[in-house]
Amino acid sequence: MVVSQYNMAWRMDLELPHFAPPLMAAVQDYRAKTPVPSYYQLYPQ
C-alpha cells in the first residue's frame, strides 16, 4: 500500500511523502526491480 501511494505521488509529480530513509531505500530497490507503467498507460484517455 505504501509503495502504491509513493508511486502515485511520483507519477503525478506531487511532493513525495517524507518516509524514513530505510523505507526509501526499500522503495527504490523495489522500483529498480519492478517496471512502473506510466499514468497514461494505466489510464488511457
PDB file of N, CA and C in Angstrom:
ATOM      1  N   MET A   1       0.838  -1.200   0.000  1.00  0.00           N
ATOM      2  CA  MET A   1       0.000   0.000   0.000  1.00  0.00           C
ATOM      3  C   MET A   1       0.873   1.251   0.000  1.00  0.00           C
ATOM      4  N   VAL A   2       1.910   1.217   0.817  1.00  0.00           N
ATOM      5  CA  VAL A   2       2.817   2.369   0.866  1.00  0.00           C
ATOM      6  C   VAL A   2       3.475   2.577  -0.491  1.00  0.00           C
ATOM      7  N   VAL A   3       3.846   1.475  -1.126  1.00  0.00           N
ATOM      8  CA  VAL A   3       4.516   1.596  -2.425  1.00  0.00           C
ATOM      9  C   VAL A   3       3.576   2.202  -3.454  1.00  0.00           C
ATOM     10  N   SER A   4       2.304   1.799  -3.432  1.00  0.00           N
ATOM     11  CA  SER A   4       1.368   2.352  -4.413  1.00  0.00           C
ATOM     12  C   SER A   4       1.153   3.844  -4.181  1.00  0.00           C
ATOM     13  N   GLN A   5       1.110   4.271  -2.924  1.00  0.00           N
ATOM     14  CA  GLN A   5       0.972   5.702  -2.641  1.00  0.00           C
ATOM     15  C   GLN A   5       2.197   6.452  -3.141  1.00  0.00           C
ATOM     16  N   TYR A   6       3.369   5.885  -2.909  1.00  0.00           N
ATOM     17  CA  TYR A   6       4.609   6.510  -3.371  1.00  0.00           C
ATOM     18  C   TYR A   6       4.618   6.609  -4.895  1.00  0.00           C
ATOM     19  N   ASN A   7       4.189   5.532  -5.542  1.00  0.00           N
ATOM     20  CA  ASN A   7       4.184   5.534  -6.999  1.00  0.00           C
ATOM     21  C   ASN A   7       3.183   6.537  -7.557  1.00  0.00           C
ATOM     22  N   MET A   8       2.024   6.659  -6.939  1.00  0.00           N
ATOM     23  CA  MET A   8       1.048   7.643  -7.399  1.00  0.00           C
ATOM     24  C   MET A   8       1.614   9.049  -7.283  1.00  0.00           C
ATOM     25  N   ALA A   9       2.237   9.352  -6.164  1.00  0.00           N
ATOM     26  CA  ALA A   9       2.818  10.686  -5.972  1.00  0.00           C
ATOM     27  C   ALA A   9       3.918  10.925  -7.000  1.00  0.00           C
ATOM     28  N   TRP A  10       4.710   9.887  -7.256  1.00  0.00           N
ATOM     29  CA  TRP A  10       5.808  10.022  -8.213  1.00  0.00           C
ATOM     30  C   TRP A  10       5.272  10.239  -9.630  1.00  0.00           C
ATOM     31  N   ARG A  11       4.256   9.480 -10.003  1.00  0.00           N
ATOM     32  CA  ARG A  11       3.707   9.592 -11.353  1.00  0.00           C
ATOM     33  C   ARG A  11       3.113  10.969 -11.607  1.00  0.00           C
ATOM     34  N   MET A  12       2.452  11.501 -10.601  1.00  0.00           N
ATOM     35  CA  MET A  12       1.702  12.739 -10.793  1.00  0.00           C
ATOM     36  C   MET A  12       2.536  13.965 -10.448  1.00  0.00           C
ATOM     37  N   ASP A  13       3.832  13.758 -10.177  1.00  0.00           N
ATOM     38  CA  ASP A  13       4.740  14.860  -9.872  1.00  0.00           C
ATOM     39  C   ASP A  13       4.285  15.662  -8.664  1.00  0.00           C
ATOM     40  N   LEU A  14       3.717  14.975  -7.686  1.00  0.00           N
ATOM     41  CA  LEU A  14       3.366  15.654  -6.439  1.00  0.00           C
ATOM     42  C   LEU A  14       4.575  15.628  -5.518  1.00  0.00           C
ATOM     43  N   GLU A  15       4.492  16.396  -4.465  1.00  0.00           N
ATOM     44  CA  GLU A  15       5.571  16.347  -3.476  1.00  0.00           C
ATOM     45  C   GLU A  15       5.589  14.955  -2.863  1.00  0.00           C
ATOM     46  N   LEU A  16       6.767  14.336  -2.833  1.00  0.00           N
ATOM     47  CA  LEU A  16       6.848  12.972  -2.331  1.00  0.00           C
ATOM     48  C   LEU A  16       6.705  12.950  -0.820  1.00  0.00           C
ATOM     49  N   PRO A  17       6.026  11.935  -0.302  1.00  0.00           N
ATOM     50  CA  PRO A  17       5.935  11.796   1.157  1.00  0.00           C
ATOM     51  C   PRO A  17       7.327  11.616   1.752  1.00  0.00           C
ATOM     52  N   HIS A  18       7.512  12.110   2.941  1.00  0.00           N
ATOM     53  CA  HIS A  18       8.822  12.034   3.584  1.00  0.00           C
ATOM     54  C   HIS A  18       8.879  10.789   4.466  1.00  0.00           C
ATOM     55  N   PHE A  19       9.304   9.677   3.847  1.00  0.00           N
ATOM     56  CA  PHE A  19       9.403   8.426   4.588  1.00  0.00           C
ATOM     57  C   PHE A  19      10.767   8.333   5.248  1.00  0.00           C
ATOM     58  N   ALA A  20      10.881   7.404   6.157  1.00  0.00           N
ATOM     59  CA  ALA A  20      12.168   7.155   6.808  1.00  0.00           C
ATOM     60  C   ALA A  20      13.171   6.624   5.771  1.00  0.00           C
ATOM     61  N   PRO A  21      14.441   6.933   5.929  1.00  0.00           N
ATOM     62  CA  PRO A  21      15.449   6.505   4.943  1.00  0.00           C
ATOM     63  C   PRO A  21      15.469   5.002   4.638  1.00  0.00           C
ATOM     64  N   PRO A  22      15.331   4.107   5.624  1.00  0.00           N
ATOM     65  CA  PRO A  22      15.332   2.675   5.278  1.00  0.00           C
ATOM     66  C   PRO A  22      14.166   2.312   4.356  1.00  0.00           C
ATOM     67  N   LEU A  23      13.011   2.933   4.572  1.00  0.00           N
ATOM     68  CA  LEU A  23      11.860   2.653   3.718  1.00  0.00           C
ATOM     69  C   LEU A  23      12.095   3.222   2.324  1.00  0.00           C
ATOM     70  N   MET A  24      12.696   4.402   2.253  1.00  0.00           N
ATOM     71  CA  MET A  24      13.014   4.987   0.956  1.00  0.00           C
ATOM     72  C   MET A  24      13.939   4.055   0.176  1.00  0.00           C
ATOM     73  N   ALA A  25      14.933   3.495   0.861  1.00  0.00           N
ATOM     74  CA  ALA A  25      15.860   2.582   0.196  1.00  0.00           C
ATOM     75  C   ALA A  25      15.120   1.341  -0.294  1.00  0.00           C
ATOM     76  N   ALA A  26      14.200   0.840   0.510  1.00  0.00           N
ATOM     77  CA  ALA A  26      13.432  -0.340   0.124  1.00  0.00           C
ATOM     78  C   ALA A  26      12.555  -0.026  -1.087  1.00  0.00           C
ATOM     79  N   VAL A  27      11.952   1.144  -1.092  1.00  0.00           N
ATOM     80  CA  VAL A  27      11.097   1.534  -2.220  1.00  0.00           C
ATOM     81  C   VAL A  27      11.935   1.697  -3.484  1.00  0.00           C
ATOM     82  N   GLN A  28      13.102   2.310  -3.358  1.00  0.00           N
ATOM     83  CA  GLN A  28      13.965   2.477  -4.526  1.00  0.00           C
ATOM     84  C   GLN A  28      14.413   1.121  -5.061  1.00  0.00           C
ATOM     85  N   ASP A  29      14.693   0.182  -4.163  1.00  0.00           N
ATOM     86  CA  ASP A  29      15.082  -1.162  -4.575  1.00  0.00           C
ATOM     87  C   ASP A  29      13.927  -1.837  -5.311  1.00  0.00           C
ATOM     88  N   TYR A  30      12.712  -1.690  -4.769  1.00  0.00           N
ATOM     89  CA  TYR A  30      11.520  -2.253  -5.404  1.00  0.00           C
ATOM     90  C   TYR A  30      11.306  -1.643  -6.791  1.00  0.00           C
ATOM     91  N   ARG A  31      11.453  -0.331  -6.872  1.00  0.00           N
ATOM     92  CA  ARG A  31      11.227   0.364  -8.142  1.00  0.00           C
ATOM     93  C   ARG A  31      12.280  -0.040  -9.170  1.00  0.00           C
ATOM     94  N   ALA A  32      13.500  -0.303  -8.708  1.00  0.00           N
ATOM     95  CA  ALA A  32      14.561  -0.698  -9.630  1.00  0.00           C
ATOM     96  C   ALA A  32      14.266  -2.064 -10.244  1.00  0.00           C
ATOM     97  N   LYS A  33      13.594  -2.931  -9.496  1.00  0.00           N
ATOM     98  CA  LYS A  33      13.308  -4.283  -9.971  1.00  0.00           C
ATOM     99  C   LYS A  33      11.982  -4.361 -10.720  1.00  0.00           C
ATOM    100  N   THR A  34      11.081  -3.414 -10.464  1.00  0.00           N
ATOM    101  CA  THR A  34       9.720  -3.515 -10.982  1.00  0.00           C
ATOM    102  C   THR A  34       9.430  -2.364 -11.934  1.00  0.00           C
ATOM    103  N   PRO A  35       9.193  -2.649 -13.208  1.00  0.00           N
ATOM    104  CA  PRO A  35       8.841  -1.563 -14.128  1.00  0.00           C
ATOM    105  C   PRO A  35       7.493  -0.966 -13.745  1.00  0.00           C
ATOM    106  N   VAL A  36       7.445   0.343 -13.653  1.00  0.00           N
ATOM    107  CA  VAL A  36       6.206   1.014 -13.250  1.00  0.00           C
ATOM    108  C   VAL A  36       5.588   1.638 -14.490  1.00  0.00           C
ATOM    109  N   PRO A  37       4.379   1.207 -14.866  1.00  0.00           N
ATOM    110  CA  PRO A  37       3.745   1.792 -16.050  1.00  0.00           C
ATOM    111  C   PRO A  37       3.424   3.261 -15.816  1.00  0.00           C
ATOM    112  N   SER A  38       3.438   4.028 -16.874  1.00  0.00           N
ATOM    113  CA  SER A  38       3.133   5.441 -16.736  1.00  0.00           C
ATOM    114  C   SER A  38       1.651   5.630 -16.433  1.00  0.00           C
ATOM    115  N   TYR A  39       1.319   6.826 -15.981  1.00  0.00           N
ATOM    116  CA  TYR A  39      -0.077   7.159 -15.671  1.00  0.00           C
ATOM    117  C   TYR A  39      -0.951   6.942 -16.904  1.00  0.00           C
ATOM    118  N   TYR A  40      -0.439   7.298 -18.079  1.00  0.00           N
ATOM    119  CA  TYR A  40      -1.255   7.212 -19.283  1.00  0.00           C
ATOM    120  C   TYR A  40      -1.407   5.775 -19.754  1.00  0.00           C
ATOM    121  N   GLN A  41      -0.447   4.922 -19.405  1.00  0.00           N
ATOM    122  CA  GLN A  41      -0.621   3.508 -19.727  1.00  0.00           C
ATOM    123  C   GLN A  41      -1.663   2.879 -18.813  1.00  0.00           C
ATOM    124  N   LEU A  42      -1.688   3.326 -17.559  1.00  0.00           N
ATOM    125  CA  LEU A  42      -2.657   2.766 -16.623  1.00  0.00           C
ATOM    126  C   LEU A  42      -4.062   3.260 -16.927  1.00  0.00           C
ATOM    127  N   TYR A  43      -4.172   4.539 -17.299  1.00  0.00           N
ATOM    128  CA  TYR A  43      -5.486   5.147 -17.513  1.00  0.00           C
ATOM    129  C   TYR A  43      -5.520   5.783 -18.899  1.00  0.00           C
ATOM    130  N   PRO A  44      -5.676   4.958 -19.938  1.00  0.00           N
ATOM    131  CA  PRO A  44      -5.693   5.527 -21.294  1.00  0.00           C
ATOM    132  C   PRO A  44      -6.855   6.493 -21.463  1.00  0.00           C
ATOM    133  N   GLN A  45      -6.640   7.498 -22.253  1.00  0.00           N
ATOM    134  CA  GLN A  45      -7.687   8.516 -22.483  1.00  0.00           C
ATOM    135  C   GLN A  45      -8.824   7.891 -23.288  1.00  0.00           C
TER     136      GLN A  45
END
